[in-house]
C-alpha atoms as a PDB file:
ATOM      1  CA  MET A   1      16.713  13.429   6.063  1.00  0.00           C
ATOM      2  CA  ALA A   2      16.031  11.669   2.979  1.00  0.00           C
ATOM      3  CA  SER A   3      12.240  12.642   1.641  1.00  0.00           C
ATOM      4  CA  LEU A   4       9.583  10.639   1.257  1.00  0.00           C
ATOM      5  CA  SER A   5       9.936  10.759  -2.357  1.00  0.00           C
ATOM      6  CA  ASP A   6      14.072   9.788  -2.192  1.00  0.00           C
ATOM      7  CA  LEU A   7      12.874   7.151   0.158  1.00  0.00           C
ATOM      8  CA  LEU A   8      10.568   5.455  -2.306  1.00  0.00           C
ATOM      9  CA  GLN A   9      12.693   5.488  -4.995  1.00  0.00           C
ATOM     10  CA  GLU A  10      15.244   3.304  -3.158  1.00  0.00           C
ATOM     11  CA  PHE A  11      12.242   0.833  -3.733  1.00  0.00           C
ATOM     12  CA  LEU A  12       9.746   1.542  -5.829  1.00  0.00           C
ATOM     13  CA  LYS A  13      10.019   0.838 -10.140  1.00  0.00           C
ATOM     14  CA  PRO A  14       8.021   2.584 -12.680  1.00  0.00           C
ATOM     15  CA  LEU A  15       4.121   1.426 -12.361  1.00  0.00           C
ATOM     16  CA  GLN A  16       1.470   2.126 -14.676  1.00  0.00           C
ATOM     17  CA  THR A  17      -1.174   3.957 -13.160  1.00  0.00           C
ATOM     18  CA  ASP A  18      -4.668   2.774 -14.225  1.00  0.00           C
ATOM     19  CA  SER A  19      -7.614   3.671 -12.148  1.00  0.00           C
ATOM     20  CA  SER A  20     -10.471   2.133 -13.812  1.00  0.00           C
ATOM     21  CA  ALA A  21      -7.808  -1.207 -13.788  1.00  0.00           C
ATOM     22  CA  SER A  22      -7.595  -0.464 -10.034  1.00  0.00           C
ATOM     23  CA  GLY A  23     -11.304  -0.782  -9.461  1.00  0.00           C
ATOM     24  CA  GLN A  24     -11.614   2.344  -7.647  1.00  0.00           C
ATOM     25  CA  ASP A  25     -14.227   3.968  -9.493  1.00  0.00           C
ATOM     26  CA  SER A  26     -16.625   1.306  -8.698  1.00  0.00           C
ATOM     27  CA  LEU A  27     -15.479   1.072  -5.013  1.00  0.00           C
ATOM     28  CA  PHE A  28     -15.864   4.960  -4.510  1.00  0.00           C
ATOM     29  CA  GLU A  29     -19.400   4.250  -5.775  1.00  0.00           C
ATOM     30  CA  LYS A  30     -20.235   1.997  -3.382  1.00  0.00           C
ATOM     31  CA  LEU A  31     -18.555   4.134  -0.255  1.00  0.00           C
ATOM     32  CA  SER A  32     -22.193   5.659   0.783  1.00  0.00           C
ATOM     33  CA  GLN A  33     -21.887   9.152   2.845  1.00  0.00           C
ATOM     34  CA  GLU A  34     -23.491   7.570   5.519  1.00  0.00           C
ATOM     35  CA  THR A  35     -21.777   4.443   6.111  1.00  0.00           C
ATOM     36  CA  ILE A  36     -17.536   2.957   5.374  1.00  0.00           C
ATOM     37  CA  GLN A  37     -18.520  -0.393   4.023  1.00  0.00           C
ATOM     38  CA  PHE A  38     -14.706  -2.100   3.259  1.00  0.00           C
ATOM     39  CA  LEU A  39     -15.644  -4.417   0.086  1.00  0.00           C
ATOM     40  CA  ASP A  40     -13.605  -7.159  -0.713  1.00  0.00           C
ATOM     41  CA  ALA A  41     -10.530  -6.119  -3.264  1.00  0.00           C
ATOM     42  CA  GLY A  42     -10.886  -9.120  -5.085  1.00  0.00           C
ATOM     43  CA  ASP A  43      -7.825 -10.000  -7.059  1.00  0.00           C
ATOM     44  CA  TYR A  44      -6.008  -6.627  -6.009  1.00  0.00           C
ATOM     45  CA  GLY A  45      -3.892  -5.851  -3.077  1.00  0.00           C
ATOM     46  CA  GLU A  46      -5.173  -2.723  -0.955  1.00  0.00           C
ATOM     47  CA  ASN A  47      -4.009  -0.151   1.001  1.00  0.00           C
ATOM     48  CA  LEU A  48      -6.397   2.174   3.317  1.00  0.00           C
ATOM     49  CA  ALA A  49      -5.613   5.246   5.335  1.00  0.00           C
ATOM     50  CA  TYR A  50      -8.017   7.477   6.965  1.00  0.00           C
ATOM     51  CA  GLY A  51      -7.179  10.770   8.994  1.00  0.00           C
ATOM     52  CA  TYR A  52      -4.462  11.608   7.450  1.00  0.00           C
ATOM     53  CA  PRO A  53      -4.579  15.633   6.005  1.00  0.00           C
ATOM     54  CA  ASN A  54      -2.952  14.437   2.403  1.00  0.00           C
ATOM     55  CA  TRP A  55      -1.435  12.004   0.105  1.00  0.00           C
ATOM     56  CA  GLY A  56       2.466  12.621   1.521  1.00  0.00           C
ATOM     57  CA  SER A  57       0.945  11.595   5.092  1.00  0.00           C
ATOM     58  CA  ALA A  58      -1.013   8.703   3.961  1.00  0.00           C
ATOM     59  CA  ILE A  59       1.686   7.131   2.330  1.00  0.00           C
ATOM     60  CA  SER A  60       4.291   7.818   4.688  1.00  0.00           C
ATOM     61  CA  ALA A  61       2.084   6.343   7.192  1.00  0.00           C
ATOM     62  CA  TRP A  62       2.070   2.903   4.827  1.00  0.00           C
ATOM     63  CA  TYR A  63       5.998   3.171   4.111  1.00  0.00           C
ATOM     64  CA  ASN A  64       7.030   4.202   7.800  1.00  0.00           C
ATOM     65  CA  GLU A  65       6.409   0.377   8.278  1.00  0.00           C
ATOM     66  CA  VAL A  66       9.762  -0.315   7.129  1.00  0.00           C
ATOM     67  CA  LYS A  67      10.731   0.453  10.513  1.00  0.00           C
ATOM     68  CA  ASP A  68       9.518  -2.959  11.593  1.00  0.00           C
ATOM     69  CA  TYR A  69      10.452  -4.833   8.870  1.00  0.00           C
ATOM     70  CA  ASP A  70      13.326  -7.875   9.469  1.00  0.00           C
ATOM     71  CA  TYR A  71      14.567  -8.494   6.190  1.00  0.00           C
ATOM     72  CA  SER A  72      16.477 -11.724   7.786  1.00  0.00           C
ATOM     73  CA  ASN A  73      13.337 -13.117   8.598  1.00  0.00           C
ATOM     74  CA  PRO A  74      11.069 -12.290   5.850  1.00  0.00           C
ATOM     75  CA  GLY A  75       7.615 -12.351   6.037  1.00  0.00           C
ATOM     76  CA  PHE A  76       4.430 -11.112   6.719  1.00  0.00           C
ATOM     77  CA  SER A  77       3.586  -8.963   9.366  1.00  0.00           C
ATOM     78  CA  GLY A  78       0.279  -7.038  10.612  1.00  0.00           C
ATOM     79  CA  LYS A  79       2.739  -4.271  11.712  1.00  0.00           C
ATOM     80  CA  THR A  80       4.258  -4.128   7.808  1.00  0.00           C
ATOM     81  CA  GLY A  81       1.612  -5.290   5.635  1.00  0.00           C
ATOM     82  CA  HIS A  82       0.698  -1.848   4.334  1.00  0.00           C
ATOM     83  CA  PHE A  83       4.659  -1.697   3.732  1.00  0.00           C
ATOM     84  CA  THR A  84       5.254  -4.583   1.706  1.00  0.00           C
ATOM     85  CA  GLN A  85       2.091  -4.149  -0.797  1.00  0.00           C
ATOM     86  CA  LEU A  86       3.554  -0.896  -1.120  1.00  0.00           C
ATOM     87  CA  VAL A  87       7.130  -2.102  -2.111  1.00  0.00           C
ATOM     88  CA  TRP A  88       5.989  -5.559  -3.517  1.00  0.00           C
ATOM     89  CA  LYS A  89       8.236  -6.027  -7.067  1.00  0.00           C
ATOM     90  CA  SER A  90       5.624  -8.383  -8.505  1.00  0.00           C
ATOM     91  CA  THR A  91       3.624  -5.475  -8.637  1.00  0.00           C
ATOM     92  CA  THR A  92       2.767  -3.503 -12.295  1.00  0.00           C
ATOM     93  CA  GLU A  93       0.182  -1.291 -11.852  1.00  0.00           C
ATOM     94  CA  ILE A  94      -1.179   0.911  -9.216  1.00  0.00           C
ATOM     95  CA  GLY A  95      -4.773   2.736  -8.691  1.00  0.00           C
ATOM     96  CA  CYS A  96      -5.589   5.233  -5.802  1.00  0.00           C
ATOM     97  CA  GLY A  97      -8.215   7.290  -5.048  1.00  0.00           C
ATOM     98  CA  VAL A  98      -9.272   9.483  -2.171  1.00  0.00           C
ATOM     99  CA  LYS A  99     -12.778  10.828  -0.947  1.00  0.00           C
ATOM    100  CA  THR A 100     -13.892  12.572   2.119  1.00  0.00           C
ATOM    101  CA  CYS A 101     -16.110  10.737   4.080  1.00  0.00           C
ATOM    102  CA  ALA A 102     -19.236  12.277   6.000  1.00  0.00           C
ATOM    103  CA  ASN A 103     -19.809   9.625   8.329  1.00  0.00           C
ATOM    104  CA  LEU A 104     -15.550  10.033   9.481  1.00  0.00           C
ATOM    105  CA  LYS A 105     -16.179  13.585  10.109  1.00  0.00           C
ATOM    106  CA  GLY A 106     -15.006  14.561   7.115  1.00  0.00           C
ATOM    107  CA  ALA A 107     -11.650  12.947   7.271  1.00  0.00           C
ATOM    108  CA  LYS A 108     -10.272  11.666   4.183  1.00  0.00           C
ATOM    109  CA  LEU A 109     -10.016   8.024   3.310  1.00  0.00           C
ATOM    110  CA  PHE A 110      -7.312   6.960   0.905  1.00  0.00           C
ATOM    111  CA  THR A 111      -7.019   4.467  -0.729  1.00  0.00           C
ATOM    112  CA  CYS A 112      -4.627   2.297  -3.683  1.00  0.00           C
ATOM    113  CA  SER A 113      -5.027  -1.066  -5.137  1.00  0.00           C
ATOM    114  CA  TYR A 114      -2.190  -3.178  -6.398  1.00  0.00           C
ATOM    115  CA  LEU A 115      -1.898  -5.350  -9.356  1.00  0.00           C
ATOM    116  CA  GLU A 116      -0.432  -8.297  -8.993  1.00  0.00           C
ATOM    117  CA  PHE A 117      -1.406  -8.219  -5.488  1.00  0.00           C
ATOM    118  CA  GLY A 118       1.330  -8.785  -2.700  1.00  0.00           C
ATOM    119  CA  ASN A 119       1.660 -10.565   0.808  1.00  0.00           C
ATOM    120  CA  ILE A 120       1.209 -13.914  -0.437  1.00  0.00           C
ATOM    121  CA  VAL A 121       2.192 -16.017   2.751  1.00  0.00           C
ATOM    122  CA  SER A 122       3.845 -19.531   2.037  1.00  0.00           C
ATOM    123  CA  ASP A 123       5.897 -21.920   4.088  1.00  0.00           C
ATOM    124  CA  ASP A 124       8.966 -20.748   3.377  1.00  0.00           C
ATOM    125  CA  ASN A 125       8.067 -17.439   3.045  1.00  0.00           C
ATOM    126  CA  ALA A 126       9.437 -17.598  -0.831  1.00  0.00           C
ATOM    127  CA  TYR A 127       7.100 -14.850  -2.142  1.00  0.00           C
ATOM    128  CA  PHE A 128       8.690 -12.201   0.162  1.00  0.00           C
ATOM    129  CA  ILE A 129      11.944 -12.881  -0.110  1.00  0.00           C
ATOM    130  CA  GLU A 130      11.486 -12.189  -3.858  1.00  0.00           C
ATOM    131  CA  ASN A 131       9.381  -9.301  -3.470  1.00  0.00           C
ATOM    132  CA  VAL A 132       9.860  -7.281  -0.639  1.00  0.00           C
ATOM    133  CA  LEU A 133      13.472  -6.461  -1.347  1.00  0.00           C
ATOM    134  CA  PRO A 134      16.145  -3.862   0.924  1.00  0.00           C
ATOM    135  CA  PRO A 135      16.504  -0.141  -0.262  1.00  0.00           C
ATOM    136  CA  LYS A 136      19.358   0.048  -2.911  1.00  0.00           C
ATOM    137  CA  ASN A 137      21.210   1.384  -0.345  1.00  0.00           C
ATOM    138  CA  SER A 138      20.524   0.144   2.376  1.00  0.00           C
ATOM    139  CA  LYS A 139      22.114  -1.181   5.590  1.00  0.00           C
ATOM    140  CA  LYS A 140      19.439  -2.181   7.245  1.00  0.00           C
ATOM    141  CA  ASN A 141      19.449  -5.952   8.172  1.00  0.00           C
END
């Protein structure tokens, strides 16, 4: 079985990483120790995960939505939105952060913000056709 790193190499191109560009610093400043307040991501795409022990587990959860994505009928689905944002072709920058949250009984909140944002819905699903490409060596759909 391929490692997560190998699987992601099939999809992801090199991205710039820039926590200031992603707005992560301001996001975490606004996360209170008493209450989680989900904020509008603005011009960024966003993936959130909590309750996972580490980054590998959180990213794997997002990536594993690939099993529900139908390349022959592309488009947005609540079952695949994390995956499609993760692999969105026109994304050029990513900023990620993690915070341990007292109000989640010490669980970690993992978040990544993406520029350009993905999951752009249109009547003909053209954005998904252009931006969610099958892995290079895939036989799926």
